[in-house]
Amino acid sequence: MAGHDFFDSADRKRRPVADHTAADPLAAEEARPSCDPAFKHGVVVGFDGSTSSERALAYAIGMASRSGSGLIIVHVANRLPTTVWAGCEPPVFVDVPDHRTEVLGLELACADYLAEVPWILVERGGDICHELEEVGREYEADAIVVGSTHGIVGRIFGSVAGRLAKRAQRPVIVIP
């Protein structure tokens, strides 16, 4: 079975952040942690355990297998405004502990269908679109695969797939 790694959100907070105003662009690149070369130019897939994300994962597995690349499975933990908890203004975002990534990781580790491709599970916190594109940039991904959003929330606020397709710097594949 293929191995996997967990990137804890606590580790992400401690990593150095590149200074985009630095005069030397190479110095900014060095500040970013290097990614495993096995996953460079891989396929990024957003996964939350929903039916649509499972379909996206199945497609991404096939795509990674056909191209001989690695699979970068990304789970983005929700961030809630503190106004939800405290009822105050201005809205400040807080990281809510999300143990769902660990559960998803264990489920994926036991999944036979992932045995055919090398894969990692990356946990992020924040805006789903931003984080998927950021992971895609870090791994120089060839594509980002997401499931389509159904329901009233997607119609009101715009779907993740639609927002990602507008802003991504790489191909976005939306699986219905």
C-alpha atoms as a PDB file:
ATOM      1  CA  MET A   1       0.000   0.000   0.000  1.00  0.00           C
ATOM      2  CA  ALA A   2       1.187   3.511  -0.720  1.00  0.00           C
ATOM      3  CA  GLY A   3       2.356   5.588   2.211  1.00  0.00           C
ATOM      4  CA  HIS A   4       0.924   8.821   3.453  1.00  0.00           C
ATOM      5  CA  ASP A   5       1.964  11.794   5.524  1.00  0.00           C
ATOM      6  CA  PHE A   6      -0.028  14.145   7.662  1.00  0.00           C
ATOM      7  CA  PHE A   7       0.875  17.806   7.616  1.00  0.00           C
ATOM      8  CA  ASP A   8      -0.508  19.177  10.854  1.00  0.00           C
ATOM      9  CA  SER A   9      -1.919  22.683  10.780  1.00  0.00           C
ATOM     10  CA  ALA A  10       0.249  23.489  13.805  1.00  0.00           C
ATOM     11  CA  ASP A  11       3.355  22.734  11.699  1.00  0.00           C
ATOM     12  CA  ARG A  12       2.024  25.019   8.993  1.00  0.00           C
ATOM     13  CA  LYS A  13       1.817  27.917  11.446  1.00  0.00           C
ATOM     14  CA  ARG A  14       5.463  27.489  12.448  1.00  0.00           C
ATOM     15  CA  ARG A  15       6.903  27.400   8.958  1.00  0.00           C
ATOM     16  CA  PRO A  16       8.645  30.514   7.700  1.00  0.00           C
ATOM     17  CA  VAL A  17       6.610  32.706   5.412  1.00  0.00           C
ATOM     18  CA  ALA A  18       8.197  34.023   2.263  1.00  0.00           C
ATOM     19  CA  ASP A  19       8.575  37.789   2.114  1.00  0.00           C
ATOM     20  CA  HIS A  20       6.963  38.767  -1.180  1.00  0.00           C
ATOM     21  CA  THR A  21       8.597  42.194  -0.983  1.00  0.00           C
ATOM     22  CA  ALA A  22      12.094  40.759  -0.852  1.00  0.00           C
ATOM     23  CA  ALA A  23      14.459  42.025  -3.520  1.00  0.00           C
ATOM     24  CA  ASP A  24      15.779  38.538  -4.216  1.00  0.00           C
ATOM     25  CA  PRO A  25      13.030  36.189  -5.491  1.00  0.00           C
ATOM     26  CA  LEU A  26      15.253  33.158  -4.903  1.00  0.00           C
ATOM     27  CA  ALA A  27      15.467  34.008  -1.209  1.00  0.00           C
ATOM     28  CA  ALA A  28      11.678  34.016  -1.006  1.00  0.00           C
ATOM     29  CA  GLU A  29      11.543  30.599  -2.694  1.00  0.00           C
ATOM     30  CA  GLU A  30      14.048  29.159  -0.204  1.00  0.00           C
ATOM     31  CA  ALA A  31      11.863  30.235   2.726  1.00  0.00           C
ATOM     32  CA  ARG A  32       9.083  27.932   1.523  1.00  0.00           C
ATOM     33  CA  PRO A  33       9.451  24.318   2.703  1.00  0.00           C
ATOM     34  CA  SER A  34      10.433  21.945  -0.059  1.00  0.00           C
ATOM     35  CA  CYS A  35       7.924  19.367  -1.192  1.00  0.00           C
ATOM     36  CA  ASP A  36       8.641  15.705  -1.732  1.00  0.00           C
ATOM     37  CA  PRO A  37       9.859  15.430  -5.364  1.00  0.00           C
ATOM     38  CA  ALA A  38       7.661  12.351  -5.850  1.00  0.00           C
ATOM     39  CA  PHE A  39       4.626  14.628  -5.670  1.00  0.00           C
ATOM     40  CA  LYS A  40       5.860  17.511  -7.839  1.00  0.00           C
ATOM     41  CA  HIS A  41       3.593  17.916 -10.860  1.00  0.00           C
ATOM     42  CA  GLY A  42       1.047  15.639  -9.216  1.00  0.00           C
ATOM     43  CA  VAL A  43      -2.719  15.879  -9.079  1.00  0.00           C
ATOM     44  CA  VAL A  44      -4.324  17.876  -6.257  1.00  0.00           C
ATOM     45  CA  VAL A  45      -7.783  16.771  -5.159  1.00  0.00           C
ATOM     46  CA  GLY A  46     -10.038  18.406  -2.589  1.00  0.00           C
ATOM     47  CA  PHE A  47     -11.496  15.801  -0.240  1.00  0.00           C
ATOM     48  CA  ASP A  48     -13.908  16.089   2.668  1.00  0.00           C
ATOM     49  CA  GLY A  49     -15.544  12.671   2.664  1.00  0.00           C
ATOM     50  CA  SER A  50     -18.701  13.834   0.868  1.00  0.00           C
ATOM     51  CA  THR A  51     -20.129  11.890  -2.067  1.00  0.00           C
ATOM     52  CA  SER A  52     -19.001  14.507  -4.580  1.00  0.00           C
ATOM     53  CA  SER A  53     -15.469  14.567  -3.148  1.00  0.00           C
ATOM     54  CA  GLU A  54     -15.343  10.754  -3.297  1.00  0.00           C
ATOM     55  CA  ARG A  55     -16.185  10.936  -7.013  1.00  0.00           C
ATOM     56  CA  ALA A  56     -13.497  13.596  -7.462  1.00  0.00           C
ATOM     57  CA  LEU A  57     -11.005  11.376  -5.620  1.00  0.00           C
ATOM     58  CA  ALA A  58     -11.846   8.408  -7.861  1.00  0.00           C
ATOM     59  CA  TYR A  59     -11.258  10.537 -10.963  1.00  0.00           C
ATOM     60  CA  ALA A  60      -8.024  11.986  -9.550  1.00  0.00           C
ATOM     61  CA  ILE A  61      -6.718   8.483  -8.751  1.00  0.00           C
ATOM     62  CA  GLY A  62      -7.256   7.458 -12.369  1.00  0.00           C
ATOM     63  CA  MET A  63      -5.670  10.656 -13.637  1.00  0.00           C
ATOM     64  CA  ALA A  64      -2.600  10.260 -11.402  1.00  0.00           C
ATOM     65  CA  SER A  65      -2.295   6.598 -12.317  1.00  0.00           C
ATOM     66  CA  ARG A  66      -2.464   7.285 -16.069  1.00  0.00           C
ATOM     67  CA  SER A  67       0.078  10.101 -15.849  1.00  0.00           C
ATOM     68  CA  GLY A  68       2.396   8.249 -13.465  1.00  0.00           C
ATOM     69  CA  SER A  69       2.301  11.084 -10.934  1.00  0.00           C
ATOM     70  CA  GLY A  70       1.532  11.355  -7.242  1.00  0.00           C
ATOM     71  CA  LEU A  71      -1.794  12.267  -5.687  1.00  0.00           C
ATOM     72  CA  ILE A  72      -2.027  15.166  -3.229  1.00  0.00           C
ATOM     73  CA  ILE A  73      -5.252  14.811  -1.235  1.00  0.00           C
ATOM     74  CA  VAL A  74      -6.171  18.075   0.495  1.00  0.00           C
ATOM     75  CA  HIS A  75      -8.606  18.440   3.384  1.00  0.00           C
ATOM     76  CA  VAL A  76      -9.358  22.033   4.293  1.00  0.00           C
ATOM     77  CA  ALA A  77     -10.605  22.486   7.847  1.00  0.00           C
ATOM     78  CA  ASN A  78     -13.220  25.156   8.336  1.00  0.00           C
ATOM     79  CA  ARG A  79     -12.412  28.445   9.985  1.00  0.00           C
ATOM     80  CA  LEU A  80     -15.284  30.127  11.779  1.00  0.00           C
ATOM     81  CA  PRO A  81     -15.667  33.814  12.559  1.00  0.00           C
ATOM     82  CA  THR A  82     -15.416  34.535  16.286  1.00  0.00           C
ATOM     83  CA  THR A  83     -18.741  36.330  15.991  1.00  0.00           C
ATOM     84  CA  VAL A  84     -20.290  32.879  15.819  1.00  0.00           C
ATOM     85  CA  TRP A  85     -18.917  32.190  19.293  1.00  0.00           C
ATOM     86  CA  ALA A  86     -18.828  35.590  20.946  1.00  0.00           C
ATOM     87  CA  GLY A  87     -21.438  37.640  19.086  1.00  0.00           C
ATOM     88  CA  CYS A  88     -19.055  40.573  18.691  1.00  0.00           C
ATOM     89  CA  GLU A  89     -17.624  42.653  15.848  1.00  0.00           C
ATOM     90  CA  PRO A  90     -15.380  42.786  13.818  1.00  0.00           C
ATOM     91  CA  PRO A  91     -15.341  39.217  12.543  1.00  0.00           C
ATOM     92  CA  VAL A  92     -12.053  37.552  13.358  1.00  0.00           C
ATOM     93  CA  PHE A  93     -11.395  34.055  12.146  1.00  0.00           C
ATOM     94  CA  VAL A  94     -10.345  31.309  14.524  1.00  0.00           C
ATOM     95  CA  ASP A  95      -9.091  27.841  13.789  1.00  0.00           C
ATOM     96  CA  VAL A  96     -11.516  25.257  15.069  1.00  0.00           C
ATOM     97  CA  PRO A  97      -9.849  21.939  15.917  1.00  0.00           C
ATOM     98  CA  ASP A  98     -10.845  19.535  13.166  1.00  0.00           C
ATOM     99  CA  HIS A  99     -10.172  15.910  13.957  1.00  0.00           C
ATOM    100  CA  ARG A 100     -11.948  14.918  10.758  1.00  0.00           C
ATOM    101  CA  THR A 101      -8.624  15.011   8.886  1.00  0.00           C
ATOM    102  CA  GLU A 102      -7.272  12.259  11.123  1.00  0.00           C
ATOM    103  CA  VAL A 103     -10.403  10.161  10.564  1.00  0.00           C
ATOM    104  CA  LEU A 104     -10.250  10.735   6.803  1.00  0.00           C
ATOM    105  CA  GLY A 105      -6.547   9.849   6.827  1.00  0.00           C
ATOM    106  CA  LEU A 106      -7.194   6.565   8.579  1.00  0.00           C
ATOM    107  CA  GLU A 107     -10.014   5.733   6.159  1.00  0.00           C
ATOM    108  CA  LEU A 108      -7.790   6.549   3.190  1.00  0.00           C
ATOM    109  CA  ALA A 109      -4.893   4.522   4.607  1.00  0.00           C
ATOM    110  CA  CYS A 110      -7.148   1.458   4.718  1.00  0.00           C
ATOM    111  CA  ALA A 111      -8.586   2.016   1.236  1.00  0.00           C
ATOM    112  CA  ASP A 112      -7.521  -0.554  -1.344  1.00  0.00           C
ATOM    113  CA  TYR A 113      -8.252   1.771  -4.258  1.00  0.00           C
ATOM    114  CA  LEU A 114      -5.356   4.057  -3.252  1.00  0.00           C
ATOM    115  CA  ALA A 115      -2.791   1.246  -3.476  1.00  0.00           C
ATOM    116  CA  GLU A 116      -2.095   1.947  -7.158  1.00  0.00           C
ATOM    117  CA  VAL A 117      -0.768   5.508  -6.709  1.00  0.00           C
ATOM    118  CA  PRO A 118       1.586   7.241  -4.275  1.00  0.00           C
ATOM    119  CA  TRP A 119      -0.401   9.730  -2.186  1.00  0.00           C
ATOM    120  CA  ILE A 120      -0.192  12.145   0.695  1.00  0.00           C
ATOM    121  CA  LEU A 121      -2.865  13.841   2.776  1.00  0.00           C
ATOM    122  CA  VAL A 122      -2.378  17.553   3.417  1.00  0.00           C
ATOM    123  CA  GLU A 123      -4.454  19.395   6.025  1.00  0.00           C
ATOM    124  CA  ARG A 124      -5.016  23.109   5.711  1.00  0.00           C
ATOM    125  CA  GLY A 125      -7.234  25.637   7.419  1.00  0.00           C
ATOM    126  CA  GLY A 126      -8.962  28.580   5.804  1.00  0.00           C
ATOM    127  CA  ASP A 127     -10.692  29.371   2.543  1.00  0.00           C
ATOM    128  CA  ILE A 128     -11.057  26.202   0.490  1.00  0.00           C
ATOM    129  CA  CYS A 129     -10.337  27.855  -2.874  1.00  0.00           C
ATOM    130  CA  HIS A 130      -7.270  29.682  -1.631  1.00  0.00           C
ATOM    131  CA  GLU A 131      -5.835  26.638   0.105  1.00  0.00           C
ATOM    132  CA  LEU A 132      -6.371  24.293  -2.851  1.00  0.00           C
ATOM    133  CA  GLU A 133      -4.654  26.756  -5.189  1.00  0.00           C
ATOM    134  CA  GLU A 134      -1.850  27.296  -2.660  1.00  0.00           C
ATOM    135  CA  VAL A 135      -1.195  23.547  -2.398  1.00  0.00           C
ATOM    136  CA  GLY A 136      -1.326  23.347  -6.192  1.00  0.00           C
ATOM    137  CA  ARG A 137       1.294  26.101  -6.392  1.00  0.00           C
ATOM    138  CA  GLU A 138       3.549  24.513  -3.766  1.00  0.00           C
ATOM    139  CA  TYR A 139       3.524  21.134  -5.514  1.00  0.00           C
ATOM    140  CA  GLU A 140       3.475  22.652  -9.021  1.00  0.00           C
ATOM    141  CA  ALA A 141       0.409  20.495  -9.653  1.00  0.00           C
ATOM    142  CA  ASP A 142      -0.690  19.691 -13.172  1.00  0.00           C
ATOM    143  CA  ALA A 143      -4.374  19.963 -12.195  1.00  0.00           C
ATOM    144  CA  ILE A 144      -6.794  20.435  -9.317  1.00  0.00           C
ATOM    145  CA  VAL A 145      -9.784  18.086  -9.132  1.00  0.00           C
ATOM    146  CA  VAL A 146     -12.874  18.990  -7.092  1.00  0.00           C
ATOM    147  CA  GLY A 147     -16.406  17.714  -6.776  1.00  0.00           C
ATOM    148  CA  SER A 148     -19.346  19.895  -7.675  1.00  0.00           C
ATOM    149  CA  THR A 149     -21.279  21.664  -4.931  1.00  0.00           C
ATOM    150  CA  HIS A 150     -24.969  20.969  -4.589  1.00  0.00           C
ATOM    151  CA  GLY A 151     -27.473  22.849  -2.509  1.00  0.00           C
ATOM    152  CA  ILE A 152     -28.565  26.300  -1.558  1.00  0.00           C
ATOM    153  CA  VAL A 153     -25.270  27.385   0.011  1.00  0.00           C
ATOM    154  CA  GLY A 154     -23.439  26.901  -3.308  1.00  0.00           C
ATOM    155  CA  ARG A 155     -26.096  28.889  -5.134  1.00  0.00           C
ATOM    156  CA  ILE A 156     -25.975  31.774  -2.666  1.00  0.00           C
ATOM    157  CA  PHE A 157     -22.236  32.081  -2.042  1.00  0.00           C
ATOM    158  CA  GLY A 158     -20.927  30.480  -5.218  1.00  0.00           C
ATOM    159  CA  SER A 159     -19.545  26.993  -5.445  1.00  0.00           C
ATOM    160  CA  VAL A 160     -15.979  26.128  -4.559  1.00  0.00           C
ATOM    161  CA  ALA A 161     -15.518  24.750  -8.069  1.00  0.00           C
ATOM    162  CA  GLY A 162     -16.775  27.944  -9.710  1.00  0.00           C
ATOM    163  CA  ARG A 163     -14.671  30.255  -7.547  1.00  0.00           C
ATOM    164  CA  LEU A 164     -11.600  28.045  -7.978  1.00  0.00           C
ATOM    165  CA  ALA A 165     -11.998  27.889 -11.765  1.00  0.00           C
ATOM    166  CA  LYS A 166     -12.003  31.701 -11.894  1.00  0.00           C
ATOM    167  CA  ARG A 167      -8.859  32.219  -9.829  1.00  0.00           C
ATOM    168  CA  ALA A 168      -6.679  29.115 -10.279  1.00  0.00           C
ATOM    169  CA  GLN A 169      -3.418  29.280 -12.206  1.00  0.00           C
ATOM    170  CA  ARG A 170      -3.725  25.666 -13.371  1.00  0.00           C
ATOM    171  CA  PRO A 171      -6.491  23.499 -14.867  1.00  0.00           C
ATOM    172  CA  VAL A 172      -9.465  22.814 -12.595  1.00  0.00           C
ATOM    173  CA  ILE A 173     -11.488  19.679 -13.247  1.00  0.00           C
ATOM    174  CA  VAL A 174     -14.993  19.642 -11.750  1.00  0.00           C
ATOM    175  CA  ILE A 175     -16.562  16.238 -11.276  1.00  0.00           C
ATOM    176  CA  PRO A 176     -20.392  16.214 -11.105  1.00  0.00           C
END
